[in-house]
Each structure stands twice: as C-alpha cells, then as structure tokens.
Protein backbone atom coordinates (compact mmCIF):
# COMPACT_ATOMS: atom_id res chain seq x y z
CA MET A 1 177.90 144.44 121.14
CA ALA A 2 174.82 142.32 121.94
CA GLU A 3 171.38 143.88 121.82
CA THR A 4 169.39 143.98 125.01
CA GLN A 5 165.74 143.00 124.96
CA LYS A 6 163.17 145.46 126.23
CA ALA A 7 160.76 144.38 128.91
CA PRO A 8 157.13 144.01 127.77
CA LYS A 9 154.97 147.07 128.39
CA ASP A 10 152.43 145.00 130.32
CA CYS A 11 152.16 141.50 131.77
CA THR A 12 149.82 140.25 129.04
CA GLN A 13 152.78 140.21 126.65
CA CYS A 14 154.80 137.94 128.95
CA ALA A 15 155.37 134.32 127.87
CA ARG A 16 154.04 133.06 131.24
CA TRP A 17 150.88 135.20 131.18
CA LYS A 18 148.39 132.28 131.13
CA GLU A 19 150.02 130.64 134.14
CA ILE A 20 150.23 133.90 136.08
CA LYS A 21 146.64 134.86 135.20
CA SER A 22 145.42 131.53 136.60
CA GLN A 23 147.45 131.97 139.80
CA ILE A 24 146.08 135.47 140.30
CA ALA A 25 142.52 134.22 139.86
CA VAL A 26 142.93 131.49 142.49
CA ALA A 27 144.57 133.91 144.94
CA GLU A 28 141.74 136.41 144.46
CA VAL A 29 139.07 133.74 145.04
CA LEU A 30 140.76 132.61 148.28
CA ALA A 31 141.17 136.17 149.52
CA LYS A 32 137.53 136.96 148.75
CA ALA A 33 136.35 133.78 150.52
CA VAL A 34 138.30 134.71 153.65
CA GLU A 35 136.93 138.27 153.61
CA GLU A 36 133.34 137.07 153.13
CA PHE A 37 133.81 134.58 155.95
CA LYS A 38 135.04 137.38 158.25
CA LYS A 39 131.99 139.52 157.37
CA LYS A 40 129.61 136.63 158.10
CA LEU A 41 131.26 136.09 161.49
CA LYS A 42 129.92 139.49 162.55
CA GLY A 43 126.38 138.80 161.32
CA GLU A 44 123.61 137.07 163.22
CA GLY A 45 122.54 133.56 162.39
CA PHE A 46 125.85 132.47 160.96
CA GLN A 47 127.50 129.77 163.03
CA PRO A 48 130.68 128.62 161.31
CA THR A 49 133.09 126.28 162.94
CA VAL A 50 136.57 127.38 163.85
CA ALA A 51 137.84 124.53 161.69
CA GLU A 52 136.16 126.00 158.59
CA PHE A 53 137.78 129.37 159.13
CA LEU A 54 141.19 127.87 159.90
CA LYS A 55 141.02 125.70 156.78
CA LEU A 56 140.37 128.76 154.60
CA VAL A 57 143.29 130.64 156.14
CA GLN A 58 145.52 127.57 155.82
CA MET A 59 144.61 127.20 152.15
CA GLU A 60 145.43 130.85 151.54
CA HIS A 61 148.84 130.55 153.24
CA GLU A 62 149.71 127.32 151.43
CA TYR A 63 148.81 128.85 148.09
CA GLU A 64 150.93 131.93 148.76
CA ALA A 65 153.87 129.73 149.78
CA GLU A 66 153.43 127.71 146.58
CA LEU A 67 153.59 130.87 144.51
CA ASN A 68 156.68 132.19 146.29
CA PRO A 69 159.11 129.30 146.69
CA PRO A 70 162.54 130.07 148.13
CA GLN A 71 164.82 131.54 145.50
CA GLU A 72 168.00 130.10 146.93
CA ILE A 73 168.74 127.28 149.31
CA GLU A 74 172.18 127.03 150.87
CA VAL A 75 173.47 123.63 151.94
CA ARG A 76 176.68 123.00 153.86
CA TRP A 77 178.32 119.60 154.16
CA ILE A 78 180.18 119.05 157.40
CA GLU A 79 182.68 116.22 157.34
CA PRO A 80 182.23 113.83 160.25
CA THR A 81 185.00 113.85 162.79
CA ALA A 82 186.67 110.83 164.35
CA GLU A 83 184.82 111.59 167.61
CA SER A 84 181.38 111.44 165.99
CA ASN A 85 182.23 108.16 164.26
CA ASP A 86 183.36 106.58 167.55
CA SER A 87 180.07 107.34 169.29
CA LYS A 88 178.08 105.14 166.90
C-alpha cells in the first residue's frame, strides 16, 4: 500500500510559496490603489480622469484573470458536411 503525503500545515511550506507570495503582494498593491483612488474621488481638490480609474480597475481584473486561468477547456471537432464544402 502506498503512503499518502500530508498537506503542509501552512502555505510557507509549499514548493510554490515564493511565486504565490509575489502574486499576493501584487494583488494587494492593486487592491489598495483602487481603494485609495475611490477615497480620493470623494475628497475635494482631487480631479482624476475617468481613464485613470478605468485603467486601475482594468489592471486589477487582468491580474486576477492571469492568476485564475481556466482549469479545463473543451474543444469539439465537427466534421464538415458535403453541403458546407459545396458552398465554398
């Protein structure tokens, strides 16, 4: 009977810890920048452009998508029919 490995007690023992730690840091910086931007929008004297705010939000969404790629992609091949070949 094969032995099963136990999961690490915390993430710092994981083999990918350095990579994950870096990703967490970037995500936290982006989230903080968006929150600070939102706070400044309410204050007087701050006149950001809509483009600046949208760029921050876009960066945050792109980074999250990069961290969570699709786990499975299903592809189906459909054989062409004689009809579809004749229309070319």
